[in-house]
Amino acid sequence: MPLSRALSKLGICSRSEGEQAVREGRVRVNGRRVTDGTRRVVPENDVITIDGASAVAQLRRYLMLNKPRGQVTTRSDPQGRPTVYDSLTDPTLPFLGPVGRLDQASEGLLLFTNDTQWANTITDPSSHVAKTYHVQVDCVPEGAMLSALRAGVQATDGEHLAAARVDVLRTGERNAWLSIALDEGKNRQIRRMLEALDVSVLRLVRVAIGNLQLGELAKGAWRDLQSAEIEALRTPTGPRRRR
């Protein structure tokens, strides 16, 4: 496999960070400096070092974070905005990458791991991993609006977007909370769907991925996943669409 991918598969860094490390001449293969990230290696046979340290497979870690609103899902931000890694300050943590993303204004359940195969299972659209959100909107929804969300709407860019499941949690005089489940991970999907219906999102909180619930985890706090939770997400079952 390409050298940059091997570094990612070993849990050393992200693929893009691996590519940068190779370009900077910080990686050696069998004692020789390599500056081409596409150089193919066999991690089981080749001796790979980065910054002089052996690039051995890292212990797999899987954790969940209750992402606060206002953080961006990236390791570093050119604009200097807070990132999700501001919540992961434990120096004993290995390199961990986010499994999917939440935009800056969204909050709730976000997974991290250095197991790229496990992460790909969750983010692969063909896996249909259900992701459930509680969404506060600036109106009291009527039946036609709910039906449109379930059947699908055309976003302003022309893409067809649909929810797997939509339920009303509670309503007030001027706004309401909806539970919306998605089984496809399109960018800003819920916001774009509601925008197409001229509805504004006041808050958006991801509360579950598959059967894994956010629960009572405090804002900005994280915890390691239990073995049963890891395995349940390894063999997911998506929600049945309800029209």
C-alpha atoms as a PDB file:
ATOM      1  CA  MET A   1       0.000   0.000   0.000  1.00  0.00           C
ATOM      2  CA  PRO A   2       1.169   3.627  -0.381  1.00  0.00           C
ATOM      3  CA  LEU A   3       3.430   4.789   2.447  1.00  0.00           C
ATOM      4  CA  SER A   4       1.085   7.576   3.575  1.00  0.00           C
ATOM      5  CA  ARG A   5      -1.790   5.107   3.791  1.00  0.00           C
ATOM      6  CA  ALA A   6       0.361   2.664   5.753  1.00  0.00           C
ATOM      7  CA  LEU A   7       1.067   5.329   8.385  1.00  0.00           C
ATOM      8  CA  SER A   8      -2.675   5.926   8.681  1.00  0.00           C
ATOM      9  CA  LYS A   9      -3.500   2.210   8.855  1.00  0.00           C
ATOM     10  CA  LEU A  10      -0.957   1.792  11.647  1.00  0.00           C
ATOM     11  CA  GLY A  11      -2.790   4.478  13.621  1.00  0.00           C
ATOM     12  CA  ILE A  12       0.200   6.839  13.614  1.00  0.00           C
ATOM     13  CA  CYS A  13      -1.487   9.824  11.968  1.00  0.00           C
ATOM     14  CA  SER A  14      -4.081  10.727   9.375  1.00  0.00           C
ATOM     15  CA  ARG A  15      -3.357  10.014   5.725  1.00  0.00           C
ATOM     16  CA  SER A  16      -2.918  13.723   4.949  1.00  0.00           C
ATOM     17  CA  GLU A  17      -0.581  14.132   7.926  1.00  0.00           C
ATOM     18  CA  GLY A  18       1.351  11.093   6.719  1.00  0.00           C
ATOM     19  CA  GLU A  19       1.707  12.627   3.263  1.00  0.00           C
ATOM     20  CA  GLN A  20       3.038  15.826   4.816  1.00  0.00           C
ATOM     21  CA  ALA A  21       5.510  13.950   7.022  1.00  0.00           C
ATOM     22  CA  VAL A  22       6.831  12.083   3.985  1.00  0.00           C
ATOM     23  CA  ARG A  23       7.182  15.294   1.945  1.00  0.00           C
ATOM     24  CA  GLU A  24       9.116  16.854   4.822  1.00  0.00           C
ATOM     25  CA  GLY A  25      11.587  13.952   4.785  1.00  0.00           C
ATOM     26  CA  ARG A  26      10.655  12.741   8.275  1.00  0.00           C
ATOM     27  CA  VAL A  27       9.933   9.145   7.197  1.00  0.00           C
ATOM     28  CA  ARG A  28      12.398   6.385   6.434  1.00  0.00           C
ATOM     29  CA  VAL A  29      11.759   2.935   4.935  1.00  0.00           C
ATOM     30  CA  ASN A  30      14.366   0.302   5.664  1.00  0.00           C
ATOM     31  CA  GLY A  31      16.773   3.048   6.715  1.00  0.00           C
ATOM     32  CA  ARG A  32      16.334   5.228   3.628  1.00  0.00           C
ATOM     33  CA  ARG A  33      14.558   8.573   3.637  1.00  0.00           C
ATOM     34  CA  VAL A  34      11.456   8.578   1.430  1.00  0.00           C
ATOM     35  CA  THR A  35       9.807  11.781   0.178  1.00  0.00           C
ATOM     36  CA  ASP A  36       7.177  10.213  -2.103  1.00  0.00           C
ATOM     37  CA  GLY A  37       3.969   9.312  -0.253  1.00  0.00           C
ATOM     38  CA  THR A  38       2.909   7.009  -3.074  1.00  0.00           C
ATOM     39  CA  ARG A  39       5.934   4.736  -2.486  1.00  0.00           C
ATOM     40  CA  ARG A  40       4.434   1.290  -1.895  1.00  0.00           C
ATOM     41  CA  VAL A  41       5.381  -0.594   1.258  1.00  0.00           C
ATOM     42  CA  VAL A  42       4.399  -3.751   3.112  1.00  0.00           C
ATOM     43  CA  PRO A  43       4.001  -2.682   6.764  1.00  0.00           C
ATOM     44  CA  GLU A  44       4.476  -6.262   7.995  1.00  0.00           C
ATOM     45  CA  ASN A  45       7.850  -6.572   6.241  1.00  0.00           C
ATOM     46  CA  ASP A  46       9.289  -3.068   5.790  1.00  0.00           C
ATOM     47  CA  VAL A  47      10.883  -1.180   8.681  1.00  0.00           C
ATOM     48  CA  ILE A  48       9.200   2.231   8.771  1.00  0.00           C
ATOM     49  CA  THR A  49      10.267   5.063  11.061  1.00  0.00           C
ATOM     50  CA  ILE A  50       8.905   8.571  11.500  1.00  0.00           C
ATOM     51  CA  ASP A  51      10.982  11.215  13.256  1.00  0.00           C
ATOM     52  CA  GLY A  52      13.354   8.415  14.240  1.00  0.00           C
ATOM     53  CA  ALA A  53      10.675   6.383  16.050  1.00  0.00           C
ATOM     54  CA  SER A  54       9.498   3.000  14.827  1.00  0.00           C
ATOM     55  CA  ALA A  55       6.085   3.176  13.169  1.00  0.00           C
ATOM     56  CA  VAL A  56       4.514   0.155  14.824  1.00  0.00           C
ATOM     57  CA  ALA A  57       0.784  -0.492  14.965  1.00  0.00           C
ATOM     58  CA  GLN A  58      -0.818   1.479  17.781  1.00  0.00           C
ATOM     59  CA  LEU A  59      -3.189   0.023  20.339  1.00  0.00           C
ATOM     60  CA  ARG A  60      -6.684   0.526  18.968  1.00  0.00           C
ATOM     61  CA  ARG A  61      -8.771   3.121  20.810  1.00  0.00           C
ATOM     62  CA  TYR A  62     -12.426   3.962  20.326  1.00  0.00           C
ATOM     63  CA  LEU A  63     -14.080   6.840  22.131  1.00  0.00           C
ATOM     64  CA  MET A  64     -17.122   9.080  22.035  1.00  0.00           C
ATOM     65  CA  LEU A  65     -17.231  12.825  22.660  1.00  0.00           C
ATOM     66  CA  ASN A  66     -20.151  15.099  23.432  1.00  0.00           C
ATOM     67  CA  LYS A  67     -19.080  17.838  21.016  1.00  0.00           C
ATOM     68  CA  PRO A  68     -19.870  21.360  22.205  1.00  0.00           C
ATOM     69  CA  ARG A  69     -21.391  23.856  19.832  1.00  0.00           C
ATOM     70  CA  GLY A  70     -18.794  26.155  18.288  1.00  0.00           C
ATOM     71  CA  GLN A  71     -16.027  23.619  17.752  1.00  0.00           C
ATOM     72  CA  VAL A  72     -14.977  22.590  14.243  1.00  0.00           C
ATOM     73  CA  THR A  73     -14.229  18.955  13.420  1.00  0.00           C
ATOM     74  CA  THR A  74     -10.601  19.263  12.413  1.00  0.00           C
ATOM     75  CA  ARG A  75      -7.217  18.909  14.089  1.00  0.00           C
ATOM     76  CA  SER A  76      -6.150  22.477  13.355  1.00  0.00           C
ATOM     77  CA  ASP A  77      -8.064  25.406  11.927  1.00  0.00           C
ATOM     78  CA  PRO A  78      -6.446  28.147   9.788  1.00  0.00           C
ATOM     79  CA  GLN A  79      -9.001  30.632  11.158  1.00  0.00           C
ATOM     80  CA  GLY A  80      -8.049  29.890  14.746  1.00  0.00           C
ATOM     81  CA  ARG A  81     -11.479  28.568  15.735  1.00  0.00           C
ATOM     82  CA  PRO A  82     -11.837  26.065  18.601  1.00  0.00           C
ATOM     83  CA  THR A  83     -11.606  22.452  17.428  1.00  0.00           C
ATOM     84  CA  VAL A  84     -12.893  19.152  18.787  1.00  0.00           C
ATOM     85  CA  TYR A  85      -9.332  18.349  19.840  1.00  0.00           C
ATOM     86  CA  ASP A  86      -9.601  21.086  22.468  1.00  0.00           C
ATOM     87  CA  SER A  87     -11.803  18.560  24.285  1.00  0.00           C
ATOM     88  CA  LEU A  88      -9.269  15.717  23.866  1.00  0.00           C
ATOM     89  CA  THR A  89      -6.356  17.072  25.868  1.00  0.00           C
ATOM     90  CA  ASP A  90      -5.348  13.855  27.648  1.00  0.00           C
ATOM     91  CA  PRO A  91      -1.629  13.475  26.764  1.00  0.00           C
ATOM     92  CA  THR A  92      -1.871   9.670  26.947  1.00  0.00           C
ATOM     93  CA  LEU A  93      -4.257   9.488  23.988  1.00  0.00           C
ATOM     94  CA  PRO A  94      -2.743   8.198  20.724  1.00  0.00           C
ATOM     95  CA  PHE A  95      -3.510   9.805  17.381  1.00  0.00           C
ATOM     96  CA  LEU A  96      -7.269   9.597  16.888  1.00  0.00           C
ATOM     97  CA  GLY A  97      -9.290  10.710  13.901  1.00  0.00           C
ATOM     98  CA  PRO A  98     -12.967  11.709  13.905  1.00  0.00           C
ATOM     99  CA  VAL A  99     -15.447   9.232  12.454  1.00  0.00           C
ATOM    100  CA  GLY A 100     -17.493  11.536  10.258  1.00  0.00           C
ATOM    101  CA  ARG A 101     -18.112  15.147  11.184  1.00  0.00           C
ATOM    102  CA  LEU A 102     -20.427  17.598  12.877  1.00  0.00           C
ATOM    103  CA  ASP A 103     -20.435  21.174  11.610  1.00  0.00           C
ATOM    104  CA  GLN A 104     -19.449  24.071  13.853  1.00  0.00           C
ATOM    105  CA  ALA A 105     -23.000  24.955  14.882  1.00  0.00           C
ATOM    106  CA  SER A 106     -23.971  21.340  15.627  1.00  0.00           C
ATOM    107  CA  GLU A 107     -23.329  19.436  18.834  1.00  0.00           C
ATOM    108  CA  GLY A 108     -23.589  15.982  20.339  1.00  0.00           C
ATOM    109  CA  LEU A 109     -22.215  12.518  19.671  1.00  0.00           C
ATOM    110  CA  LEU A 110     -18.933  12.317  17.748  1.00  0.00           C
ATOM    111  CA  LEU A 111     -16.747   9.210  17.528  1.00  0.00           C
ATOM    112  CA  PHE A 112     -12.945   9.013  17.359  1.00  0.00           C
ATOM    113  CA  THR A 113     -10.628   6.094  16.620  1.00  0.00           C
ATOM    114  CA  ASN A 114      -7.300   5.052  15.125  1.00  0.00           C
ATOM    115  CA  ASP A 115      -8.949   1.980  13.570  1.00  0.00           C
ATOM    116  CA  THR A 116      -9.531   3.138   9.990  1.00  0.00           C
ATOM    117  CA  GLN A 117     -11.358  -0.029   8.924  1.00  0.00           C
ATOM    118  CA  TRP A 118     -13.877   0.342  11.767  1.00  0.00           C
ATOM    119  CA  ALA A 119     -14.322   4.016  10.944  1.00  0.00           C
ATOM    120  CA  ASN A 120     -14.904   3.269   7.264  1.00  0.00           C
ATOM    121  CA  THR A 121     -17.633   0.770   8.157  1.00  0.00           C
ATOM    122  CA  ILE A 122     -19.544   3.488   9.983  1.00  0.00           C
ATOM    123  CA  THR A 123     -19.080   6.221   7.390  1.00  0.00           C
ATOM    124  CA  ASP A 124     -19.621   4.052   4.291  1.00  0.00           C
ATOM    125  CA  PRO A 125     -23.075   4.953   2.890  1.00  0.00           C
ATOM    126  CA  SER A 126     -23.675   1.306   1.960  1.00  0.00           C
ATOM    127  CA  SER A 127     -23.556   0.369   5.666  1.00  0.00           C
ATOM    128  CA  HIS A 128     -26.667   2.493   6.360  1.00  0.00           C
ATOM    129  CA  VAL A 129     -25.599   3.249   9.930  1.00  0.00           C
ATOM    130  CA  ALA A 130     -28.469   5.178  11.500  1.00  0.00           C
ATOM    131  CA  LYS A 131     -27.581   8.578  12.910  1.00  0.00           C
ATOM    132  CA  THR A 132     -30.270  10.202  15.046  1.00  0.00           C
ATOM    133  CA  TYR A 133     -30.561  13.916  15.725  1.00  0.00           C
ATOM    134  CA  HIS A 134     -32.761  16.079  17.921  1.00  0.00           C
ATOM    135  CA  VAL A 135     -33.485  19.251  15.980  1.00  0.00           C
ATOM    136  CA  GLN A 136     -35.153  22.427  17.230  1.00  0.00           C
ATOM    137  CA  VAL A 137     -36.891  24.299  14.409  1.00  0.00           C
ATOM    138  CA  ASP A 138     -38.412  27.771  14.278  1.00  0.00           C
ATOM    139  CA  CYS A 139     -41.969  26.620  13.567  1.00  0.00           C
ATOM    140  CA  VAL A 140     -44.640  24.154  14.615  1.00  0.00           C
ATOM    141  CA  PRO A 141     -44.483  21.427  11.941  1.00  0.00           C
ATOM    142  CA  GLU A 142     -47.567  20.356  10.044  1.00  0.00           C
ATOM    143  CA  GLY A 143     -48.226  16.986   8.452  1.00  0.00           C
ATOM    144  CA  ALA A 144     -47.198  18.183   5.000  1.00  0.00           C
ATOM    145  CA  MET A 145     -43.780  19.258   6.236  1.00  0.00           C
ATOM    146  CA  LEU A 146     -43.155  15.920   7.967  1.00  0.00           C
ATOM    147  CA  SER A 147     -44.282  13.998   4.889  1.00  0.00           C
ATOM    148  CA  ALA A 148     -41.953  16.037   2.711  1.00  0.00           C
ATOM    149  CA  LEU A 149     -38.971  15.284   4.945  1.00  0.00           C
ATOM    150  CA  ARG A 150     -39.736  11.560   4.825  1.00  0.00           C
ATOM    151  CA  ALA A 151     -40.412  11.429   1.105  1.00  0.00           C
ATOM    152  CA  GLY A 152     -37.486  13.673   0.258  1.00  0.00           C
ATOM    153  CA  VAL A 153     -36.988  17.263  -0.820  1.00  0.00           C
ATOM    154  CA  GLN A 154     -34.897  18.934  -3.484  1.00  0.00           C
ATOM    155  CA  ALA A 155     -32.135  21.017  -1.915  1.00  0.00           C
ATOM    156  CA  THR A 156     -31.254  24.427  -3.329  1.00  0.00           C
ATOM    157  CA  ASP A 157     -28.362  22.816  -5.222  1.00  0.00           C
ATOM    158  CA  GLY A 158     -30.744  20.301  -6.823  1.00  0.00           C
ATOM    159  CA  GLU A 159     -29.749  17.236  -4.781  1.00  0.00           C
ATOM    160  CA  HIS A 160     -32.571  14.981  -3.548  1.00  0.00           C
ATOM    161  CA  LEU A 161     -32.409  14.516   0.238  1.00  0.00           C
ATOM    162  CA  ALA A 162     -34.613  12.368   2.472  1.00  0.00           C
ATOM    163  CA  ALA A 163     -34.733  11.328   6.098  1.00  0.00           C
ATOM    164  CA  ALA A 164     -35.055   7.693   7.133  1.00  0.00           C
ATOM    165  CA  ARG A 165     -37.343   8.617  10.019  1.00  0.00           C
ATOM    166  CA  VAL A 166     -38.963  11.814  11.349  1.00  0.00           C
ATOM    167  CA  ASP A 167     -40.910  12.175  14.591  1.00  0.00           C
ATOM    168  CA  VAL A 168     -42.157  15.146  16.600  1.00  0.00           C
ATOM    169  CA  LEU A 169     -40.705  15.133  20.105  1.00  0.00           C
ATOM    170  CA  ARG A 170     -42.518  18.180  21.517  1.00  0.00           C
ATOM    171  CA  THR A 171     -43.970  21.487  20.371  1.00  0.00           C
ATOM    172  CA  GLY A 172     -44.327  24.983  21.794  1.00  0.00           C
ATOM    173  CA  GLU A 173     -46.148  28.041  20.590  1.00  0.00           C
ATOM    174  CA  ARG A 174     -43.533  29.040  18.032  1.00  0.00           C
ATOM    175  CA  ASN A 175     -41.056  26.189  17.700  1.00  0.00           C
ATOM    176  CA  ALA A 176     -40.687  22.439  18.048  1.00  0.00           C
ATOM    177  CA  TRP A 177     -38.192  19.635  18.546  1.00  0.00           C
ATOM    178  CA  LEU A 178     -37.976  16.879  15.959  1.00  0.00           C
ATOM    179  CA  SER A 179     -36.199  13.527  16.034  1.00  0.00           C
ATOM    180  CA  ILE A 180     -34.642  12.920  12.621  1.00  0.00           C
ATOM    181  CA  ALA A 181     -32.777   9.749  11.670  1.00  0.00           C
ATOM    182  CA  LEU A 182     -30.518   9.570   8.620  1.00  0.00           C
ATOM    183  CA  ASP A 183     -29.000   6.502   6.997  1.00  0.00           C
ATOM    184  CA  GLU A 184     -26.820   8.430   4.560  1.00  0.00           C
ATOM    185  CA  GLY A 185     -24.112  10.897   5.457  1.00  0.00           C
ATOM    186  CA  LYS A 186     -24.505  13.800   3.080  1.00  0.00           C
ATOM    187  CA  ASN A 187     -22.968  17.136   3.990  1.00  0.00           C
ATOM    188  CA  ARG A 188     -25.203  19.303   6.240  1.00  0.00           C
ATOM    189  CA  GLN A 189     -28.121  17.144   5.151  1.00  0.00           C
ATOM    190  CA  ILE A 190     -30.667  18.112   7.810  1.00  0.00           C
ATOM    191  CA  ARG A 191     -29.970  21.832   7.524  1.00  0.00           C
ATOM    192  CA  ARG A 192     -30.242  21.680   3.735  1.00  0.00           C
ATOM    193  CA  MET A 193     -33.502  19.702   3.864  1.00  0.00           C
ATOM    194  CA  LEU A 194     -35.118  22.152   6.242  1.00  0.00           C
ATOM    195  CA  GLU A 195     -33.755  25.127   4.330  1.00  0.00           C
ATOM    196  CA  ALA A 196     -35.518  23.800   1.225  1.00  0.00           C
ATOM    197  CA  LEU A 197     -38.777  23.967   3.200  1.00  0.00           C
ATOM    198  CA  ASP A 198     -37.995  27.498   4.432  1.00  0.00           C
ATOM    199  CA  VAL A 199     -37.479  26.244   7.998  1.00  0.00           C
ATOM    200  CA  SER A 200     -34.576  27.427  10.182  1.00  0.00           C
ATOM    201  CA  VAL A 201     -32.640  25.204  12.577  1.00  0.00           C
ATOM    202  CA  LEU A 202     -32.252  26.657  16.059  1.00  0.00           C
ATOM    203  CA  ARG A 203     -30.300  23.733  17.541  1.00  0.00           C
ATOM    204  CA  LEU A 204     -29.056  20.427  16.167  1.00  0.00           C
ATOM    205  CA  VAL A 205     -27.825  17.690  18.504  1.00  0.00           C
ATOM    206  CA  ARG A 206     -26.721  14.223  17.410  1.00  0.00           C
ATOM    207  CA  VAL A 207     -27.977  11.852  20.093  1.00  0.00           C
ATOM    208  CA  ALA A 208     -27.224   8.402  18.640  1.00  0.00           C
ATOM    209  CA  ILE A 209     -25.142   6.510  16.090  1.00  0.00           C
ATOM    210  CA  GLY A 210     -26.638   3.093  15.496  1.00  0.00           C
ATOM    211  CA  ASN A 211     -27.636   1.824  18.942  1.00  0.00           C
ATOM    212  CA  LEU A 212     -24.958   3.902  20.667  1.00  0.00           C
ATOM    213  CA  GLN A 213     -26.650   6.650  22.680  1.00  0.00           C
ATOM    214  CA  LEU A 214     -25.117   9.956  23.782  1.00  0.00           C
ATOM    215  CA  GLY A 215     -26.861   9.476  27.129  1.00  0.00           C
ATOM    216  CA  GLU A 216     -25.780  11.630  30.076  1.00  0.00           C
ATOM    217  CA  LEU A 217     -22.246  12.329  28.859  1.00  0.00           C
ATOM    218  CA  ALA A 218     -21.476  15.926  29.814  1.00  0.00           C
ATOM    219  CA  LYS A 219     -20.826  18.610  27.208  1.00  0.00           C
ATOM    220  CA  GLY A 220     -17.176  18.510  26.178  1.00  0.00           C
ATOM    221  CA  ALA A 221     -16.587  15.191  27.987  1.00  0.00           C
ATOM    222  CA  TRP A 222     -15.469  11.908  26.403  1.00  0.00           C
ATOM    223  CA  ARG A 223     -15.277   8.250  27.310  1.00  0.00           C
ATOM    224  CA  ASP A 224     -13.899   5.045  25.804  1.00  0.00           C
ATOM    225  CA  LEU A 225     -16.397   2.734  24.141  1.00  0.00           C
ATOM    226  CA  GLN A 226     -17.077  -0.650  25.661  1.00  0.00           C
ATOM    227  CA  SER A 227     -16.309  -3.802  23.675  1.00  0.00           C
ATOM    228  CA  ALA A 228     -19.990  -4.519  23.012  1.00  0.00           C
ATOM    229  CA  GLU A 229     -20.516  -0.974  21.698  1.00  0.00           C
ATOM    230  CA  ILE A 230     -17.548  -1.284  19.352  1.00  0.00           C
ATOM    231  CA  GLU A 231     -18.751  -4.598  17.950  1.00  0.00           C
ATOM    232  CA  ALA A 232     -22.345  -3.379  17.551  1.00  0.00           C
ATOM    233  CA  LEU A 233     -21.141  -0.566  15.302  1.00  0.00           C
ATOM    234  CA  ARG A 234     -18.932  -2.973  13.374  1.00  0.00           C
ATOM    235  CA  THR A 235     -22.042  -4.839  12.157  1.00  0.00           C
ATOM    236  CA  PRO A 236     -24.665  -2.083  11.887  1.00  0.00           C
ATOM    237  CA  THR A 237     -28.268  -2.259  10.762  1.00  0.00           C
ATOM    238  CA  GLY A 238     -29.854   0.862   9.352  1.00  0.00           C
ATOM    239  CA  PRO A 239     -33.340   2.184  10.137  1.00  0.00           C
ATOM    240  CA  ARG A 240     -36.286   1.192   7.992  1.00  0.00           C
ATOM    241  CA  ARG A 241     -37.615   4.196   6.136  1.00  0.00           C
ATOM    242  CA  ARG A 242     -41.017   5.276   7.362  1.00  0.00           C
ATOM    243  CA  ARG A 243     -43.176   7.182   4.917  1.00  0.00           C
END
